[in-house]
Amino acid sequence: MNASADKPTITKAQALARIKQLIDGTVSVIHPKPQLELHQPSLNDGLCLDPLDGGSEDRIVVNRSYFLRELPKNKLDEVAAQVKAYWQSQGHYIETESDDGLEIHARSRPDDFFITLGWSEGDALTLGSTSTCLWPNGTPEPSSTP
């Protein structure tokens, strides 16, 4: 285990609050206003499979993703452009964008959360955010082994 493995992180509650801030901020610039529908599997915590900070894989990631409902199909490209422009205005880093502009993968600044705009069957856009690897309570749980 390397030295950064036990480094404190933000808590799960803090990460969820930041995700809410990222989602709410993005939705606030979308016109026409979408109806948010929570993608239920996003309520499950994920595994820290590839810790970019070199820390422990025993940590988790949290995320939330939503379907953006009630958007006219002929406005999806405009909505995607609004989202991209907003993210850039906030200083977020756009990592990739699909050729049609409907899928955008970015990193929030300054905290490096993943933020994504995607497309799903039925011509629905999706919006989500995933935290960096974290300890649920901000610090590693005490080890039960001596």
C-alpha atoms as a PDB file:
ATOM      1  CA  MET A   1       0.000   0.000   0.000  1.00  0.00           C
ATOM      2  CA  ASN A   2       1.546   3.298  -0.978  1.00  0.00           C
ATOM      3  CA  ALA A   3       1.668   6.410   1.163  1.00  0.00           C
ATOM      4  CA  SER A   4      -1.255   8.118  -0.569  1.00  0.00           C
ATOM      5  CA  ALA A   5      -3.534   5.092  -0.073  1.00  0.00           C
ATOM      6  CA  ASP A   6      -4.651   6.264   3.353  1.00  0.00           C
ATOM      7  CA  LYS A   7      -4.881   9.939   2.405  1.00  0.00           C
ATOM      8  CA  PRO A   8      -8.155  11.556   3.491  1.00  0.00           C
ATOM      9  CA  THR A   9     -10.710  12.341   0.775  1.00  0.00           C
ATOM     10  CA  ILE A  10     -13.973  14.195   0.607  1.00  0.00           C
ATOM     11  CA  THR A  11     -16.866  12.240   2.098  1.00  0.00           C
ATOM     12  CA  LYS A  12     -19.634  10.527   0.175  1.00  0.00           C
ATOM     13  CA  ALA A  13     -22.060  13.243   1.319  1.00  0.00           C
ATOM     14  CA  GLN A  14     -19.712  15.979   0.057  1.00  0.00           C
ATOM     15  CA  ALA A  15     -19.309  14.188  -3.282  1.00  0.00           C
ATOM     16  CA  LEU A  16     -23.072  13.845  -3.694  1.00  0.00           C
ATOM     17  CA  ALA A  17     -23.515  17.540  -2.910  1.00  0.00           C
ATOM     18  CA  ARG A  18     -20.926  18.426  -5.581  1.00  0.00           C
ATOM     19  CA  ILE A  19     -22.613  16.109  -8.097  1.00  0.00           C
ATOM     20  CA  LYS A  20     -25.945  17.805  -7.368  1.00  0.00           C
ATOM     21  CA  GLN A  21     -24.289  21.199  -7.897  1.00  0.00           C
ATOM     22  CA  LEU A  22     -22.805  20.084 -11.238  1.00  0.00           C
ATOM     23  CA  ILE A  23     -26.107  18.601 -12.454  1.00  0.00           C
ATOM     24  CA  ASP A  24     -28.284  21.495 -11.231  1.00  0.00           C
ATOM     25  CA  GLY A  25     -25.931  24.083 -12.722  1.00  0.00           C
ATOM     26  CA  THR A  26     -25.962  22.341 -16.078  1.00  0.00           C
ATOM     27  CA  VAL A  27     -29.739  21.895 -16.128  1.00  0.00           C
ATOM     28  CA  SER A  28     -30.201  25.576 -15.276  1.00  0.00           C
ATOM     29  CA  VAL A  29     -28.835  26.606 -18.702  1.00  0.00           C
ATOM     30  CA  ILE A  30     -30.844  24.126 -20.778  1.00  0.00           C
ATOM     31  CA  HIS A  31     -33.713  25.602 -22.794  1.00  0.00           C
ATOM     32  CA  PRO A  32     -36.318  24.286 -23.093  1.00  0.00           C
ATOM     33  CA  LYS A  33     -36.257  22.939 -19.533  1.00  0.00           C
ATOM     34  CA  PRO A  34     -36.028  19.139 -19.384  1.00  0.00           C
ATOM     35  CA  GLN A  35     -37.814  16.869 -16.947  1.00  0.00           C
ATOM     36  CA  LEU A  36     -35.158  15.013 -14.933  1.00  0.00           C
ATOM     37  CA  GLU A  37     -35.695  11.279 -14.491  1.00  0.00           C
ATOM     38  CA  LEU A  38     -33.214   9.569 -12.171  1.00  0.00           C
ATOM     39  CA  HIS A  39     -31.510   6.525 -13.673  1.00  0.00           C
ATOM     40  CA  GLN A  40     -31.998   4.183 -10.691  1.00  0.00           C
ATOM     41  CA  PRO A  41     -28.786   2.122 -11.114  1.00  0.00           C
ATOM     42  CA  SER A  42     -26.800   5.313 -10.526  1.00  0.00           C
ATOM     43  CA  LEU A  43     -27.841   5.152  -6.864  1.00  0.00           C
ATOM     44  CA  ASN A  44     -25.400   2.270  -6.356  1.00  0.00           C
ATOM     45  CA  ASP A  45     -21.853   3.117  -5.312  1.00  0.00           C
ATOM     46  CA  GLY A  46     -19.149   2.025  -7.717  1.00  0.00           C
ATOM     47  CA  LEU A  47     -15.766   0.483  -7.176  1.00  0.00           C
ATOM     48  CA  CYS A  48     -12.606   2.551  -7.431  1.00  0.00           C
ATOM     49  CA  LEU A  49     -11.175   0.475 -10.266  1.00  0.00           C
ATOM     50  CA  ASP A  50      -8.517   2.815 -11.616  1.00  0.00           C
ATOM     51  CA  PRO A  51      -7.474   5.350  -8.991  1.00  0.00           C
ATOM     52  CA  LEU A  52      -5.811   8.200 -10.867  1.00  0.00           C
ATOM     53  CA  ASP A  53      -4.233   9.435  -7.631  1.00  0.00           C
ATOM     54  CA  GLY A  54      -2.429   6.142  -6.985  1.00  0.00           C
ATOM     55  CA  GLY A  55      -4.471   5.592  -3.839  1.00  0.00           C
ATOM     56  CA  SER A  56      -6.330   2.571  -2.569  1.00  0.00           C
ATOM     57  CA  GLU A  57      -8.741   0.580  -4.724  1.00  0.00           C
ATOM     58  CA  ASP A  58     -10.711  -0.073  -1.522  1.00  0.00           C
ATOM     59  CA  ARG A  59     -12.391   3.296  -1.967  1.00  0.00           C
ATOM     60  CA  ILE A  60     -15.622   3.961  -3.862  1.00  0.00           C
ATOM     61  CA  VAL A  61     -16.967   6.335  -6.482  1.00  0.00           C
ATOM     62  CA  VAL A  62     -20.446   7.814  -6.352  1.00  0.00           C
ATOM     63  CA  ASN A  63     -22.469   9.012  -9.272  1.00  0.00           C
ATOM     64  CA  ARG A  64     -25.860  10.163 -10.387  1.00  0.00           C
ATOM     65  CA  SER A  65     -27.268  10.088 -13.879  1.00  0.00           C
ATOM     66  CA  TYR A  66     -30.533  11.361 -15.275  1.00  0.00           C
ATOM     67  CA  PHE A  67     -32.558  11.091 -18.439  1.00  0.00           C
ATOM     68  CA  LEU A  68     -33.442  14.550 -19.749  1.00  0.00           C
ATOM     69  CA  ARG A  69     -37.081  14.031 -20.704  1.00  0.00           C
ATOM     70  CA  GLU A  70     -39.552  16.309 -22.502  1.00  0.00           C
ATOM     71  CA  LEU A  71     -36.965  17.749 -24.877  1.00  0.00           C
ATOM     72  CA  PRO A  72     -38.084  18.100 -28.496  1.00  0.00           C
ATOM     73  CA  LYS A  73     -36.095  15.694 -30.673  1.00  0.00           C
ATOM     74  CA  ASN A  74     -35.236  18.523 -33.091  1.00  0.00           C
ATOM     75  CA  LYS A  75     -33.596  20.508 -30.235  1.00  0.00           C
ATOM     76  CA  LEU A  76     -31.147  17.875 -28.935  1.00  0.00           C
ATOM     77  CA  ASP A  77     -28.172  19.333 -30.816  1.00  0.00           C
ATOM     78  CA  GLU A  78     -28.984  22.808 -29.470  1.00  0.00           C
ATOM     79  CA  VAL A  79     -29.212  21.430 -25.937  1.00  0.00           C
ATOM     80  CA  ALA A  80     -25.848  19.688 -26.324  1.00  0.00           C
ATOM     81  CA  ALA A  81     -24.297  22.951 -27.539  1.00  0.00           C
ATOM     82  CA  GLN A  82     -25.765  24.773 -24.514  1.00  0.00           C
ATOM     83  CA  VAL A  83     -24.273  22.171 -22.152  1.00  0.00           C
ATOM     84  CA  LYS A  84     -20.841  22.293 -23.798  1.00  0.00           C
ATOM     85  CA  ALA A  85     -20.765  26.103 -23.737  1.00  0.00           C
ATOM     86  CA  TYR A  86     -21.789  26.150 -20.069  1.00  0.00           C
ATOM     87  CA  TRP A  87     -19.152  23.605 -19.072  1.00  0.00           C
ATOM     88  CA  GLN A  88     -16.473  25.552 -20.906  1.00  0.00           C
ATOM     89  CA  SER A  89     -17.624  28.796 -19.255  1.00  0.00           C
ATOM     90  CA  GLN A  90     -17.200  27.089 -15.873  1.00  0.00           C
ATOM     91  CA  GLY A  91     -13.631  26.103 -16.732  1.00  0.00           C
ATOM     92  CA  HIS A  92     -14.365  22.388 -17.067  1.00  0.00           C
ATOM     93  CA  TYR A  93     -12.145  20.371 -19.398  1.00  0.00           C
ATOM     94  CA  ILE A  94     -13.836  18.763 -22.421  1.00  0.00           C
ATOM     95  CA  GLU A  95     -12.102  15.392 -22.942  1.00  0.00           C
ATOM     96  CA  THR A  96     -14.073  13.995 -25.871  1.00  0.00           C
ATOM     97  CA  GLU A  97     -17.062  14.863 -27.996  1.00  0.00           C
ATOM     98  CA  SER A  98     -18.881  12.699 -30.529  1.00  0.00           C
ATOM     99  CA  ASP A  99     -18.983  13.784 -34.162  1.00  0.00           C
ATOM    100  CA  ASP A 100     -22.674  14.704 -33.835  1.00  0.00           C
ATOM    101  CA  GLY A 101     -22.010  16.630 -30.600  1.00  0.00           C
ATOM    102  CA  LEU A 102     -24.622  14.682 -28.613  1.00  0.00           C
ATOM    103  CA  GLU A 103     -22.084  12.912 -26.402  1.00  0.00           C
ATOM    104  CA  ILE A 104     -19.631  14.962 -24.373  1.00  0.00           C
ATOM    105  CA  HIS A 105     -17.220  13.704 -21.732  1.00  0.00           C
ATOM    106  CA  ALA A 106     -15.643  16.295 -19.485  1.00  0.00           C
ATOM    107  CA  ARG A 107     -13.856  16.773 -16.177  1.00  0.00           C
ATOM    108  CA  SER A 108     -15.035  19.327 -13.656  1.00  0.00           C
ATOM    109  CA  ARG A 109     -12.605  21.876 -12.362  1.00  0.00           C
ATOM    110  CA  PRO A 110     -11.110  22.121  -9.846  1.00  0.00           C
ATOM    111  CA  ASP A 111     -12.157  18.711  -8.451  1.00  0.00           C
ATOM    112  CA  ASP A 112     -11.851  16.422 -11.504  1.00  0.00           C
ATOM    113  CA  PHE A 113     -15.296  14.774 -11.332  1.00  0.00           C
ATOM    114  CA  PHE A 114     -16.461  13.148 -14.552  1.00  0.00           C
ATOM    115  CA  ILE A 115     -19.397  14.954 -16.158  1.00  0.00           C
ATOM    116  CA  THR A 116     -21.093  13.497 -19.188  1.00  0.00           C
ATOM    117  CA  LEU A 117     -23.814  14.273 -21.628  1.00  0.00           C
ATOM    118  CA  GLY A 118     -24.934  11.199 -23.499  1.00  0.00           C
ATOM    119  CA  TRP A 119     -27.624   9.858 -25.736  1.00  0.00           C
ATOM    120  CA  SER A 120     -29.827   6.820 -25.126  1.00  0.00           C
ATOM    121  CA  GLU A 121     -32.415   4.892 -27.081  1.00  0.00           C
ATOM    122  CA  GLY A 122     -35.612   6.775 -27.675  1.00  0.00           C
ATOM    123  CA  ASP A 123     -33.730   9.984 -28.461  1.00  0.00           C
ATOM    124  CA  ALA A 124     -33.253  10.890 -24.818  1.00  0.00           C
ATOM    125  CA  LEU A 125     -30.218  12.790 -23.644  1.00  0.00           C
ATOM    126  CA  THR A 126     -28.605  11.697 -20.397  1.00  0.00           C
ATOM    127  CA  LEU A 127     -26.655  13.818 -17.943  1.00  0.00           C
ATOM    128  CA  GLY A 128     -24.436  12.400 -15.256  1.00  0.00           C
ATOM    129  CA  SER A 129     -21.532  12.983 -12.940  1.00  0.00           C
ATOM    130  CA  THR A 130     -19.146  10.612 -11.157  1.00  0.00           C
ATOM    131  CA  SER A 131     -16.850  11.465  -8.258  1.00  0.00           C
ATOM    132  CA  THR A 132     -13.191  10.769  -7.904  1.00  0.00           C
ATOM    133  CA  CYS A 133     -12.261   7.809  -5.665  1.00  0.00           C
ATOM    134  CA  LEU A 134     -13.152   8.475  -2.050  1.00  0.00           C
ATOM    135  CA  TRP A 135     -13.549   6.970   1.382  1.00  0.00           C
ATOM    136  CA  PRO A 136     -17.265   7.063   2.361  1.00  0.00           C
ATOM    137  CA  ASN A 137     -16.449   8.880   5.615  1.00  0.00           C
ATOM    138  CA  GLY A 138     -13.416  10.734   4.279  1.00  0.00           C
ATOM    139  CA  THR A 139     -10.823   8.459   5.895  1.00  0.00           C
ATOM    140  CA  PRO A 140     -10.068   4.747   5.652  1.00  0.00           C
ATOM    141  CA  GLU A 141     -11.978   2.448   7.949  1.00  0.00           C
ATOM    142  CA  PRO A 142      -9.803   0.993  10.742  1.00  0.00           C
ATOM    143  CA  SER A 143      -8.404  -2.373   9.773  1.00  0.00           C
ATOM    144  CA  SER A 144      -9.831  -5.376  11.595  1.00  0.00           C
ATOM    145  CA  THR A 145      -6.557  -7.274  11.219  1.00  0.00           C
ATOM    146  CA  PRO A 146      -3.738  -6.800  13.744  1.00  0.00           C
END
